[in-house]
Amino acid sequence: MVFENSGIEKLIIEQNLLQETMNEHGCVLGGSWDYERMTFDFQYRVPEGTFYLRFPAYAISGDVGANDAVLQLMDPYIGKWYFPTGIEYGKDEHFPERIVEHAIQKIRAIHEDLAVHA
């Protein structure tokens, strides 16, 4: 499920500010980066399974590995984790309404905090 037109996809932000803000909101970078991209995850563990709200971004200048990138955010999306195959994002996936509502609130809060710096 992609959360389109949230406003977050229009933000351009420095890497350090992005990482600080995402960490404040409980989103983890982990190993989800390379020299051009970063993806921050917020994990939901509920009885229906494990879900991830993902915030992707790509470098429009600088280098993520050198910690000096300026990043363009993209539409956030949510997926369900399956063992051993990984995260599925298909239209056939069911996402609990309370998870979707929380994800929308989190996206709005992150957008609000990042928009101040963008």
Protein backbone atom coordinates (compact mmCIF):
# COMPACT_ATOMS: atom_id res chain seq x y z
CA MET A 1 0.00 0.00 0.00
CA VAL A 2 1.48 3.31 -1.11
CA PHE A 3 0.54 6.54 0.68
CA GLU A 4 0.43 8.90 -2.29
CA ASN A 5 0.19 12.69 -2.16
CA SER A 6 1.09 12.91 1.53
CA GLY A 7 3.32 15.89 0.82
CA ILE A 8 6.36 14.05 2.10
CA GLU A 9 7.33 13.14 -1.47
CA LYS A 10 7.92 16.83 -2.21
CA LEU A 11 10.51 17.33 0.53
CA ILE A 12 14.22 17.75 -0.10
CA ILE A 13 16.34 17.59 3.04
CA GLU A 14 19.92 17.23 4.25
CA GLN A 15 20.90 13.73 5.30
CA ASN A 16 21.73 14.54 8.94
CA LEU A 17 18.42 16.33 9.52
CA LEU A 18 16.52 13.50 7.87
CA GLN A 19 18.22 10.85 9.96
CA GLU A 20 17.71 12.77 13.23
CA THR A 21 14.02 13.37 12.51
CA MET A 22 13.34 9.80 11.47
CA ASN A 23 15.08 8.45 14.57
CA GLU A 24 12.98 10.77 16.76
CA HIS A 25 9.89 9.19 15.23
CA GLY A 26 11.09 5.63 15.82
CA CYS A 27 12.12 4.95 12.22
CA VAL A 28 15.28 2.91 11.79
CA LEU A 29 17.76 3.05 8.92
CA GLY A 30 19.59 -0.16 9.72
CA GLY A 31 21.22 -1.62 6.63
CA SER A 32 18.71 -0.05 4.25
CA TRP A 33 21.03 2.32 2.44
CA ASP A 34 23.59 2.50 -0.30
CA TYR A 35 25.51 5.45 -1.75
CA GLU A 36 22.43 6.88 -3.47
CA ARG A 37 19.45 5.76 -1.38
CA MET A 38 18.15 5.49 2.16
CA THR A 39 15.06 3.70 3.47
CA PHE A 40 13.77 4.23 7.00
CA ASP A 41 11.45 1.64 8.55
CA PHE A 42 8.89 1.76 11.32
CA GLN A 43 7.95 -1.72 12.50
CA TYR A 44 4.53 -2.88 13.69
CA ARG A 45 4.32 -6.22 15.51
CA VAL A 46 0.68 -7.12 15.98
CA PRO A 47 -1.25 -10.40 16.22
CA GLU A 48 -1.93 -10.28 12.46
CA GLY A 49 1.80 -10.26 11.69
CA THR A 50 4.75 -7.92 11.28
CA PHE A 51 4.32 -4.85 9.09
CA TYR A 52 6.80 -2.19 7.99
CA LEU A 53 6.05 1.42 7.16
CA ARG A 54 8.87 2.46 4.83
CA PHE A 55 10.15 5.92 3.97
CA PRO A 56 12.41 5.83 0.88
CA ALA A 57 14.67 8.67 -0.22
CA TYR A 58 17.32 9.12 -2.89
CA ALA A 59 20.31 11.44 -3.09
CA ILE A 60 19.99 14.36 -5.47
CA SER A 61 23.47 15.54 -4.49
CA GLY A 62 26.31 14.34 -2.30
CA ASP A 63 26.98 10.82 -1.10
CA VAL A 64 25.01 8.88 1.52
CA GLY A 65 28.12 6.87 2.43
CA ALA A 66 30.07 10.07 3.09
CA ASN A 67 27.15 11.41 5.16
CA ASP A 68 26.87 14.58 3.05
CA ALA A 69 23.86 13.89 0.84
CA VAL A 70 20.81 16.00 0.13
CA LEU A 71 17.85 13.67 -0.30
CA GLN A 72 14.54 13.74 -2.10
CA LEU A 73 11.89 11.80 -0.21
CA MET A 74 9.47 9.51 -2.02
CA ASP A 75 5.98 8.19 -1.28
CA PRO A 76 5.93 6.11 1.92
CA TYR A 77 4.51 2.60 1.70
CA ILE A 78 3.64 -0.31 3.95
CA GLY A 79 4.26 -4.01 3.56
CA LYS A 80 3.81 -7.26 5.46
CA TRP A 81 6.76 -9.45 6.40
CA TYR A 82 6.69 -13.15 5.61
CA PHE A 83 9.27 -15.73 6.64
CA PRO A 84 11.45 -16.64 4.75
CA THR A 85 10.61 -14.57 1.66
CA GLY A 86 10.64 -11.05 3.13
CA ILE A 87 8.29 -8.08 2.80
CA GLU A 88 5.34 -8.16 0.40
CA TYR A 89 3.69 -4.96 -0.82
CA GLY A 90 1.11 -6.34 -3.25
CA LYS A 91 -2.45 -5.16 -3.65
CA ASP A 92 -3.61 -8.54 -2.34
CA GLU A 93 -2.17 -7.81 1.10
CA HIS A 94 -4.52 -6.94 3.94
CA PHE A 95 -3.42 -4.20 6.32
CA PRO A 96 -5.29 -3.81 9.62
CA GLU A 97 -7.18 -0.52 9.73
CA ARG A 98 -5.56 0.52 13.02
CA ILE A 99 -2.11 0.07 11.44
CA VAL A 100 -3.09 2.13 8.40
CA GLU A 101 -4.53 4.89 10.61
CA HIS A 102 -1.39 4.97 12.76
CA ALA A 103 0.79 5.03 9.64
CA ILE A 104 -1.12 8.04 8.29
CA GLN A 105 -0.66 9.86 11.61
CA LYS A 106 3.06 9.03 11.62
CA ILE A 107 3.48 10.24 8.03
CA ARG A 108 1.75 13.52 8.91
CA ALA A 109 3.90 14.03 12.02
CA ILE A 110 7.13 13.32 10.13
CA HIS A 111 6.06 15.59 7.28
CA GLU A 112 5.34 18.38 9.74
CA ASP A 113 8.75 18.04 11.40
CA LEU A 114 10.69 17.76 8.13
CA ALA A 115 8.82 20.57 6.34
CA VAL A 116 10.32 23.06 8.81
CA HIS A 117 13.80 22.23 7.46
CA ALA A 118 13.00 21.63 3.79
